[in-house]
């Protein structure tokens, strides 16, 4: 993203938020990031550097779930981090198994930032978690809670839940897509060295601490880039262009490996 430029991701919310079609403004990716997790804040640099960082390897462990998103632009394969984001992973997997995402579009794409999908209405204001109207302890109607882990970050290829504020996760998700990031805005004492290096290859550190990372692309980033490069048109609210003229679709999501 260009300096001084704010972006936004439309996410599921309930009640009046849905009616208003609430959107979220992000900090510039070149601004100082203060929104890292409390646990991350409390860890020393030595402990941060000893953390398991499963996004940095394409290796799939025996207890990890792997899924393939078949789209009109090609296939995207993800590994999911059920150890660190169990609610988000379960929500995504159950929706996928019930064909909830089949035929949905990537309704919001911003090249060199992210692609967003998971809304069955295709408007950016729809969708719900698997617990909506079924389990108020997990989702009281506004969405389920954020799961922020010092083991996971919004690096290039990271898959995260879209939301409209803390603990408002529904069905929408986004894939971090941008290629370049100087990482100069990071509090280097609060990030593992390997993550700082990863951010130099792309990603959105300004989103850390506010959005649940629950997966990582292990193949098909060329497809993500293709979707992100789609022609876009003016949005109804006159915000920055992000609505694709001919949106790519999710055809189906296959669970390749389950824990």
C-alpha atoms as a PDB file:
ATOM      1  CA  UNK A   1       0.000   0.000   0.000  1.00  0.00           C
ATOM      2  CA  UNK A   2       1.078   3.553  -0.596  1.00  0.00           C
ATOM      3  CA  UNK A   3       2.135   5.717   2.271  1.00  0.00           C
ATOM      4  CA  UNK A   4      -0.664   7.508   4.108  1.00  0.00           C
ATOM      5  CA  UNK A   5      -3.310   5.327   2.522  1.00  0.00           C
ATOM      6  CA  UNK A   6      -5.921   3.555   4.631  1.00  0.00           C
ATOM      7  CA  UNK A   7      -7.702   0.436   3.483  1.00  0.00           C
ATOM      8  CA  UNK A   8     -10.768  -1.354   4.704  1.00  0.00           C
ATOM      9  CA  UNK A   9     -12.234  -4.812   4.796  1.00  0.00           C
ATOM     10  CA  UNK A  10     -15.984  -5.338   4.929  1.00  0.00           C
ATOM     11  CA  UNK A  11     -17.028  -7.958   7.434  1.00  0.00           C
ATOM     12  CA  UNK A  12     -20.013  -9.706   8.909  1.00  0.00           C
ATOM     13  CA  UNK A  13     -21.850  -7.982  11.747  1.00  0.00           C
ATOM     14  CA  UNK A  14     -25.298  -8.460  13.193  1.00  0.00           C
ATOM     15  CA  UNK A  15     -28.383  -6.292  13.627  1.00  0.00           C
ATOM     16  CA  UNK A  16     -27.891  -2.613  12.956  1.00  0.00           C
ATOM     17  CA  UNK A  17     -24.340  -3.144  11.702  1.00  0.00           C
ATOM     18  CA  UNK A  18     -25.612  -5.288   8.847  1.00  0.00           C
ATOM     19  CA  UNK A  19     -28.289  -2.743   8.005  1.00  0.00           C
ATOM     20  CA  UNK A  20     -25.705   0.013   7.843  1.00  0.00           C
ATOM     21  CA  UNK A  21     -23.252  -2.128   5.921  1.00  0.00           C
ATOM     22  CA  UNK A  22     -20.497  -1.239   8.367  1.00  0.00           C
ATOM     23  CA  UNK A  23     -16.920  -1.255   7.102  1.00  0.00           C
ATOM     24  CA  UNK A  24     -13.610  -1.132   8.883  1.00  0.00           C
ATOM     25  CA  UNK A  25     -10.810   1.365   8.337  1.00  0.00           C
ATOM     26  CA  UNK A  26      -7.280   0.036   8.668  1.00  0.00           C
ATOM     27  CA  UNK A  27      -4.110   1.839   9.624  1.00  0.00           C
ATOM     28  CA  UNK A  28      -1.687   2.456   6.813  1.00  0.00           C
ATOM     29  CA  UNK A  29       0.722  -0.425   6.430  1.00  0.00           C
ATOM     30  CA  UNK A  30       3.454   2.181   6.740  1.00  0.00           C
ATOM     31  CA  UNK A  31       2.275   3.469  10.117  1.00  0.00           C
ATOM     32  CA  UNK A  32       3.590   2.349  13.488  1.00  0.00           C
ATOM     33  CA  UNK A  33       1.823  -0.813  14.604  1.00  0.00           C
ATOM     34  CA  UNK A  34       0.749  -0.749  18.245  1.00  0.00           C
ATOM     35  CA  UNK A  35      -1.953  -3.397  17.960  1.00  0.00           C
ATOM     36  CA  UNK A  36      -0.046  -6.566  18.768  1.00  0.00           C
ATOM     37  CA  UNK A  37      -1.319  -9.151  21.211  1.00  0.00           C
ATOM     38  CA  UNK A  38      -0.955  -8.757  24.965  1.00  0.00           C
ATOM     39  CA  UNK A  39       0.848 -12.094  25.108  1.00  0.00           C
ATOM     40  CA  UNK A  40       3.226 -10.953  22.397  1.00  0.00           C
ATOM     41  CA  UNK A  41       3.867  -7.719  24.294  1.00  0.00           C
ATOM     42  CA  UNK A  42       4.814  -9.670  27.423  1.00  0.00           C
ATOM     43  CA  UNK A  43       7.321 -11.991  25.747  1.00  0.00           C
ATOM     44  CA  UNK A  44      11.016 -11.184  25.674  1.00  0.00           C
ATOM     45  CA  UNK A  45      12.872 -11.121  22.369  1.00  0.00           C
ATOM     46  CA  UNK A  46      14.586 -14.371  23.328  1.00  0.00           C
ATOM     47  CA  UNK A  47      11.261 -16.117  23.950  1.00  0.00           C
ATOM     48  CA  UNK A  48       9.741 -14.676  20.772  1.00  0.00           C
ATOM     49  CA  UNK A  49      12.596 -16.133  18.757  1.00  0.00           C
ATOM     50  CA  UNK A  50      11.956 -19.554  20.284  1.00  0.00           C
ATOM     51  CA  UNK A  51       8.278 -19.631  19.291  1.00  0.00           C
ATOM     52  CA  UNK A  52       6.965 -22.131  16.786  1.00  0.00           C
ATOM     53  CA  UNK A  53       6.183 -20.216  13.577  1.00  0.00           C
ATOM     54  CA  UNK A  54       4.187 -22.690  11.454  1.00  0.00           C
ATOM     55  CA  UNK A  55       3.480 -20.220   8.638  1.00  0.00           C
ATOM     56  CA  UNK A  56       7.121 -20.118   7.589  1.00  0.00           C
ATOM     57  CA  UNK A  57       7.205 -23.723   6.402  1.00  0.00           C
ATOM     58  CA  UNK A  58       5.084 -25.549   3.836  1.00  0.00           C
ATOM     59  CA  UNK A  59       5.443 -28.674   5.931  1.00  0.00           C
ATOM     60  CA  UNK A  60       2.144 -30.094   7.148  1.00  0.00           C
ATOM     61  CA  UNK A  61       2.112 -31.756  10.555  1.00  0.00           C
ATOM     62  CA  UNK A  62      -0.045 -34.765  11.296  1.00  0.00           C
ATOM     63  CA  UNK A  63      -2.520 -32.756  13.379  1.00  0.00           C
ATOM     64  CA  UNK A  64      -2.984 -29.979  10.813  1.00  0.00           C
ATOM     65  CA  UNK A  65      -5.898 -29.613   8.412  1.00  0.00           C
ATOM     66  CA  UNK A  66      -5.242 -28.957   4.723  1.00  0.00           C
ATOM     67  CA  UNK A  67      -7.895 -27.631   2.351  1.00  0.00           C
ATOM     68  CA  UNK A  68      -8.050 -26.757  -1.326  1.00  0.00           C
ATOM     69  CA  UNK A  69     -10.106 -23.776  -2.470  1.00  0.00           C
ATOM     70  CA  UNK A  70     -11.120 -24.353  -6.077  1.00  0.00           C
ATOM     71  CA  UNK A  71     -11.802 -21.013  -7.767  1.00  0.00           C
ATOM     72  CA  UNK A  72     -12.541 -19.796 -11.268  1.00  0.00           C
ATOM     73  CA  UNK A  73      -8.955 -18.503 -11.347  1.00  0.00           C
ATOM     74  CA  UNK A  74      -7.331 -21.761 -10.183  1.00  0.00           C
ATOM     75  CA  UNK A  75      -6.701 -23.677  -6.982  1.00  0.00           C
ATOM     76  CA  UNK A  76      -5.404 -22.337  -3.668  1.00  0.00           C
ATOM     77  CA  UNK A  77      -4.178 -24.791  -1.049  1.00  0.00           C
ATOM     78  CA  UNK A  78      -4.106 -23.830   2.632  1.00  0.00           C
ATOM     79  CA  UNK A  79      -2.941 -25.364   5.842  1.00  0.00           C
ATOM     80  CA  UNK A  80      -5.006 -24.412   8.884  1.00  0.00           C
ATOM     81  CA  UNK A  81      -3.779 -23.734  12.397  1.00  0.00           C
ATOM     82  CA  UNK A  82      -6.342 -25.462  14.597  1.00  0.00           C
ATOM     83  CA  UNK A  83      -3.858 -25.444  17.500  1.00  0.00           C
ATOM     84  CA  UNK A  84      -3.762 -21.645  17.656  1.00  0.00           C
ATOM     85  CA  UNK A  85      -7.162 -20.634  16.231  1.00  0.00           C
ATOM     86  CA  UNK A  86      -9.526 -23.564  16.934  1.00  0.00           C
ATOM     87  CA  UNK A  87     -12.765 -21.580  16.635  1.00  0.00           C
ATOM     88  CA  UNK A  88     -11.870 -19.953  13.315  1.00  0.00           C
ATOM     89  CA  UNK A  89     -10.630 -23.240  11.863  1.00  0.00           C
ATOM     90  CA  UNK A  90     -13.700 -25.194  12.978  1.00  0.00           C
ATOM     91  CA  UNK A  91     -15.959 -22.485  11.580  1.00  0.00           C
ATOM     92  CA  UNK A  92     -14.182 -22.488   8.215  1.00  0.00           C
ATOM     93  CA  UNK A  93     -14.053 -26.293   7.957  1.00  0.00           C
ATOM     94  CA  UNK A  94     -17.701 -26.842   8.918  1.00  0.00           C
ATOM     95  CA  UNK A  95     -18.853 -24.179   6.481  1.00  0.00           C
ATOM     96  CA  UNK A  96     -16.729 -25.772   3.781  1.00  0.00           C
ATOM     97  CA  UNK A  97     -18.108 -29.245   4.480  1.00  0.00           C
ATOM     98  CA  UNK A  98     -21.657 -27.902   4.193  1.00  0.00           C
ATOM     99  CA  UNK A  99     -20.848 -26.159   0.871  1.00  0.00           C
ATOM    100  CA  UNK A 100     -21.550 -22.783   2.468  1.00  0.00           C
ATOM    101  CA  UNK A 101     -18.872 -21.082   0.385  1.00  0.00           C
ATOM    102  CA  UNK A 102     -19.688 -22.784  -2.909  1.00  0.00           C
ATOM    103  CA  UNK A 103     -20.555 -20.248  -5.602  1.00  0.00           C
ATOM    104  CA  UNK A 104     -19.594 -17.242  -3.468  1.00  0.00           C
ATOM    105  CA  UNK A 105     -17.444 -14.487  -4.954  1.00  0.00           C
ATOM    106  CA  UNK A 106     -14.343 -12.639  -3.907  1.00  0.00           C
ATOM    107  CA  UNK A 107     -16.385  -9.499  -3.424  1.00  0.00           C
ATOM    108  CA  UNK A 108     -13.550  -7.226  -2.357  1.00  0.00           C
ATOM    109  CA  UNK A 109     -10.093  -7.176  -3.935  1.00  0.00           C
ATOM    110  CA  UNK A 110      -7.352  -4.599  -3.471  1.00  0.00           C
ATOM    111  CA  UNK A 111      -4.201  -5.356  -5.393  1.00  0.00           C
ATOM    112  CA  UNK A 112      -1.062  -5.213  -3.242  1.00  0.00           C
ATOM    113  CA  UNK A 113      -3.222  -5.626  -0.128  1.00  0.00           C
ATOM    114  CA  UNK A 114      -5.679  -8.533   0.059  1.00  0.00           C
ATOM    115  CA  UNK A 115      -8.584 -10.492  -1.442  1.00  0.00           C
ATOM    116  CA  UNK A 116     -11.750 -11.048   0.585  1.00  0.00           C
ATOM    117  CA  UNK A 117     -14.557 -13.583   0.287  1.00  0.00           C
ATOM    118  CA  UNK A 118     -16.819 -15.832   2.322  1.00  0.00           C
ATOM    119  CA  UNK A 119     -20.030 -13.789   2.100  1.00  0.00           C
ATOM    120  CA  UNK A 120     -22.938 -15.814   0.649  1.00  0.00           C
ATOM    121  CA  UNK A 121     -24.722 -12.585  -0.306  1.00  0.00           C
ATOM    122  CA  UNK A 122     -21.716 -11.205  -2.170  1.00  0.00           C
ATOM    123  CA  UNK A 123     -22.377  -7.756  -0.715  1.00  0.00           C
ATOM    124  CA  UNK A 124     -19.798  -7.636   2.064  1.00  0.00           C
ATOM    125  CA  UNK A 125     -22.472  -7.419   4.756  1.00  0.00           C
ATOM    126  CA  UNK A 126     -23.665 -11.040   4.867  1.00  0.00           C
ATOM    127  CA  UNK A 127     -22.699 -14.362   6.327  1.00  0.00           C
ATOM    128  CA  UNK A 128     -22.732 -15.888   9.795  1.00  0.00           C
ATOM    129  CA  UNK A 129     -20.701 -18.262  11.915  1.00  0.00           C
ATOM    130  CA  UNK A 130     -21.688 -21.893  12.422  1.00  0.00           C
ATOM    131  CA  UNK A 131     -22.748 -20.989  15.980  1.00  0.00           C
ATOM    132  CA  UNK A 132     -25.101 -18.143  15.103  1.00  0.00           C
ATOM    133  CA  UNK A 133     -28.563 -18.872  16.569  1.00  0.00           C
ATOM    134  CA  UNK A 134     -27.243 -22.197  17.892  1.00  0.00           C
ATOM    135  CA  UNK A 135     -24.777 -21.426  20.651  1.00  0.00           C
ATOM    136  CA  UNK A 136     -24.995 -18.022  22.309  1.00  0.00           C
ATOM    137  CA  UNK A 137     -21.981 -18.744  24.494  1.00  0.00           C
ATOM    138  CA  UNK A 138     -19.763 -18.727  21.412  1.00  0.00           C
ATOM    139  CA  UNK A 139     -21.740 -16.355  19.170  1.00  0.00           C
ATOM    140  CA  UNK A 140     -24.410 -14.182  20.732  1.00  0.00           C
ATOM    141  CA  UNK A 141     -25.423 -12.827  17.351  1.00  0.00           C
ATOM    142  CA  UNK A 142     -22.537 -10.427  16.809  1.00  0.00           C
ATOM    143  CA  UNK A 143     -19.930 -13.061  15.955  1.00  0.00           C
ATOM    144  CA  UNK A 144     -17.355 -15.202  17.734  1.00  0.00           C
ATOM    145  CA  UNK A 145     -14.239 -14.030  19.544  1.00  0.00           C
ATOM    146  CA  UNK A 146     -10.877 -13.117  18.091  1.00  0.00           C
ATOM    147  CA  UNK A 147      -8.036 -15.594  18.542  1.00  0.00           C
ATOM    148  CA  UNK A 148      -4.778 -13.650  18.534  1.00  0.00           C
ATOM    149  CA  UNK A 149      -1.588 -15.695  18.820  1.00  0.00           C
ATOM    150  CA  UNK A 150       2.082 -14.628  18.944  1.00  0.00           C
ATOM    151  CA  UNK A 151       2.738 -17.652  16.717  1.00  0.00           C
ATOM    152  CA  UNK A 152       0.743 -16.284  13.758  1.00  0.00           C
ATOM    153  CA  UNK A 153       1.004 -13.076  11.688  1.00  0.00           C
ATOM    154  CA  UNK A 154      -0.526 -11.350   8.648  1.00  0.00           C
ATOM    155  CA  UNK A 155       2.423 -12.126   6.385  1.00  0.00           C
ATOM    156  CA  UNK A 156       1.947 -12.639   2.645  1.00  0.00           C
ATOM    157  CA  UNK A 157      -0.334 -15.643   2.120  1.00  0.00           C
ATOM    158  CA  UNK A 158      -1.809 -15.548   5.624  1.00  0.00           C
ATOM    159  CA  UNK A 159      -5.537 -16.302   5.792  1.00  0.00           C
ATOM    160  CA  UNK A 160      -7.420 -14.246   8.384  1.00  0.00           C
ATOM    161  CA  UNK A 161     -10.970 -13.667   9.570  1.00  0.00           C
ATOM    162  CA  UNK A 162     -12.608 -10.419   8.488  1.00  0.00           C
ATOM    163  CA  UNK A 163     -14.446  -8.599  11.240  1.00  0.00           C
ATOM    164  CA  UNK A 164     -16.173  -5.348  12.116  1.00  0.00           C
ATOM    165  CA  UNK A 165     -14.415  -4.894  15.417  1.00  0.00           C
ATOM    166  CA  UNK A 166     -13.232  -7.098  18.232  1.00  0.00           C
ATOM    167  CA  UNK A 167     -15.044 -10.444  18.566  1.00  0.00           C
ATOM    168  CA  UNK A 168     -17.360 -10.065  15.551  1.00  0.00           C
ATOM    169  CA  UNK A 169     -16.144 -12.946  13.390  1.00  0.00           C
ATOM    170  CA  UNK A 170     -18.669 -14.571  11.087  1.00  0.00           C
ATOM    171  CA  UNK A 171     -17.938 -16.306   7.787  1.00  0.00           C
ATOM    172  CA  UNK A 172     -15.891 -13.801   5.829  1.00  0.00           C
ATOM    173  CA  UNK A 173     -12.135 -14.167   5.449  1.00  0.00           C
ATOM    174  CA  UNK A 174      -9.280 -12.538   3.553  1.00  0.00           C
ATOM    175  CA  UNK A 175      -5.899 -13.570   2.173  1.00  0.00           C
ATOM    176  CA  UNK A 176      -2.996 -11.132   2.608  1.00  0.00           C
ATOM    177  CA  UNK A 177      -1.553 -10.592  -0.861  1.00  0.00           C
ATOM    178  CA  UNK A 178       0.883  -7.698  -1.159  1.00  0.00           C
ATOM    179  CA  UNK A 179       4.434  -8.479  -2.278  1.00  0.00           C
ATOM    180  CA  UNK A 180       6.513  -5.837  -0.587  1.00  0.00           C
ATOM    181  CA  UNK A 181       6.799  -4.464   2.906  1.00  0.00           C
ATOM    182  CA  UNK A 182       9.823  -2.700   4.354  1.00  0.00           C
ATOM    183  CA  UNK A 183       8.831  -3.868   7.860  1.00  0.00           C
ATOM    184  CA  UNK A 184      10.370  -0.640   9.192  1.00  0.00           C
ATOM    185  CA  UNK A 185       7.162   0.104  11.132  1.00  0.00           C
ATOM    186  CA  UNK A 186       7.505  -3.029  13.268  1.00  0.00           C
ATOM    187  CA  UNK A 187       8.430  -2.911  16.907  1.00  0.00           C
ATOM    188  CA  UNK A 188      11.374  -5.200  16.328  1.00  0.00           C
ATOM    189  CA  UNK A 189      11.665  -6.064  19.993  1.00  0.00           C
ATOM    190  CA  UNK A 190       8.099  -7.421  19.868  1.00  0.00           C
ATOM    191  CA  UNK A 191       8.410  -9.592  16.745  1.00  0.00           C
ATOM    192  CA  UNK A 192      10.391 -12.786  16.121  1.00  0.00           C
ATOM    193  CA  UNK A 193      13.335 -12.114  13.802  1.00  0.00           C
ATOM    194  CA  UNK A 194      12.068 -14.647  11.264  1.00  0.00           C
ATOM    195  CA  UNK A 195       8.698 -12.863  11.079  1.00  0.00           C
ATOM    196  CA  UNK A 196      10.434  -9.540  10.511  1.00  0.00           C
ATOM    197  CA  UNK A 197      12.269 -11.156   7.607  1.00  0.00           C
ATOM    198  CA  UNK A 198       9.005 -12.650   6.313  1.00  0.00           C
ATOM    199  CA  UNK A 199       7.310  -9.248   6.358  1.00  0.00           C
ATOM    200  CA  UNK A 200      10.032  -7.900   4.060  1.00  0.00           C
ATOM    201  CA  UNK A 201       8.542 -10.226   1.421  1.00  0.00           C
ATOM    202  CA  UNK A 202       5.015  -8.889   1.900  1.00  0.00           C
ATOM    203  CA  UNK A 203       2.079  -8.836   4.273  1.00  0.00           C
ATOM    204  CA  UNK A 204       0.187  -6.390   6.457  1.00  0.00           C
ATOM    205  CA  UNK A 205       1.664  -6.065   9.956  1.00  0.00           C
ATOM    206  CA  UNK A 206      -0.704  -3.205  10.768  1.00  0.00           C
ATOM    207  CA  UNK A 207      -3.451  -5.853  11.001  1.00  0.00           C
ATOM    208  CA  UNK A 208      -1.703  -7.905  13.687  1.00  0.00           C
ATOM    209  CA  UNK A 209      -3.590  -8.046  16.947  1.00  0.00           C
ATOM    210  CA  UNK A 210      -6.932  -7.135  15.391  1.00  0.00           C
ATOM    211  CA  UNK A 211      -7.649 -10.033  13.029  1.00  0.00           C
ATOM    212  CA  UNK A 212      -7.501 -13.771  13.647  1.00  0.00           C
ATOM    213  CA  UNK A 213      -4.933 -15.519  11.471  1.00  0.00           C
ATOM    214  CA  UNK A 214      -6.048 -19.129  11.009  1.00  0.00           C
ATOM    215  CA  UNK A 215      -4.354 -20.403   7.858  1.00  0.00           C
ATOM    216  CA  UNK A 216      -1.542 -19.997   5.357  1.00  0.00           C
ATOM    217  CA  UNK A 217      -1.394 -20.516   1.606  1.00  0.00           C
ATOM    218  CA  UNK A 218       1.053 -23.330   0.824  1.00  0.00           C
ATOM    219  CA  UNK A 219       0.438 -23.368  -2.936  1.00  0.00           C
ATOM    220  CA  UNK A 220      -1.506 -21.170  -5.333  1.00  0.00           C
ATOM    221  CA  UNK A 221      -0.270 -17.686  -4.419  1.00  0.00           C
ATOM    222  CA  UNK A 222      -0.117 -17.047  -8.162  1.00  0.00           C
ATOM    223  CA  UNK A 223      -3.891 -17.591  -8.159  1.00  0.00           C
ATOM    224  CA  UNK A 224      -4.305 -15.160  -5.253  1.00  0.00           C
ATOM    225  CA  UNK A 225      -2.257 -12.593  -7.198  1.00  0.00           C
ATOM    226  CA  UNK A 226      -4.412 -13.156 -10.272  1.00  0.00           C
ATOM    227  CA  UNK A 227      -7.617 -12.591  -8.307  1.00  0.00           C
ATOM    228  CA  UNK A 228      -6.142  -9.469  -6.685  1.00  0.00           C
ATOM    229  CA  UNK A 229      -5.227  -8.031 -10.090  1.00  0.00           C
ATOM    230  CA  UNK A 230      -8.824  -8.124 -11.353  1.00  0.00           C
ATOM    231  CA  UNK A 231     -10.365  -4.991 -12.818  1.00  0.00           C
ATOM    232  CA  UNK A 232     -12.334  -3.119 -10.170  1.00  0.00           C
ATOM    233  CA  UNK A 233     -15.038  -0.471 -10.284  1.00  0.00           C
ATOM    234  CA  UNK A 234     -16.207   2.363  -8.055  1.00  0.00           C
ATOM    235  CA  UNK A 235     -17.846   1.265  -4.830  1.00  0.00           C
ATOM    236  CA  UNK A 236     -21.349   2.422  -3.951  1.00  0.00           C
ATOM    237  CA  UNK A 237     -20.005   4.399  -0.976  1.00  0.00           C
ATOM    238  CA  UNK A 238     -17.420   6.189  -3.172  1.00  0.00           C
ATOM    239  CA  UNK A 239     -14.551   4.594  -1.287  1.00  0.00           C
ATOM    240  CA  UNK A 240     -11.436   3.329  -3.007  1.00  0.00           C
ATOM    241  CA  UNK A 241     -12.172   0.958  -5.874  1.00  0.00           C
ATOM    242  CA  UNK A 242     -12.295  -2.622  -4.624  1.00  0.00           C
ATOM    243  CA  UNK A 243     -15.393  -4.208  -6.201  1.00  0.00           C
ATOM    244  CA  UNK A 244     -14.351  -6.501  -9.063  1.00  0.00           C
ATOM    245  CA  UNK A 245     -16.089  -5.995 -12.401  1.00  0.00           C
ATOM    246  CA  UNK A 246     -16.073  -9.737 -13.069  1.00  0.00           C
ATOM    247  CA  UNK A 247     -15.492 -11.322  -9.653  1.00  0.00           C
ATOM    248  CA  UNK A 248     -13.833 -14.694  -9.347  1.00  0.00           C
ATOM    249  CA  UNK A 249     -15.831 -17.365  -7.549  1.00  0.00           C
ATOM    250  CA  UNK A 250     -15.164 -20.121  -5.071  1.00  0.00           C
ATOM    251  CA  UNK A 251     -16.386 -23.281  -6.794  1.00  0.00           C
ATOM    252  CA  UNK A 252     -15.870 -25.567  -3.813  1.00  0.00           C
ATOM    253  CA  UNK A 253     -13.582 -26.191  -0.881  1.00  0.00           C
ATOM    254  CA  UNK A 254     -12.212 -29.689  -0.335  1.00  0.00           C
ATOM    255  CA  UNK A 255     -10.832 -30.977   2.951  1.00  0.00           C
ATOM    256  CA  UNK A 256      -7.678 -32.767   1.785  1.00  0.00           C
ATOM    257  CA  UNK A 257      -6.455 -33.761   5.217  1.00  0.00           C
ATOM    258  CA  UNK A 258      -8.272 -33.678   8.533  1.00  0.00           C
ATOM    259  CA  UNK A 259      -6.721 -34.095  11.957  1.00  0.00           C
END
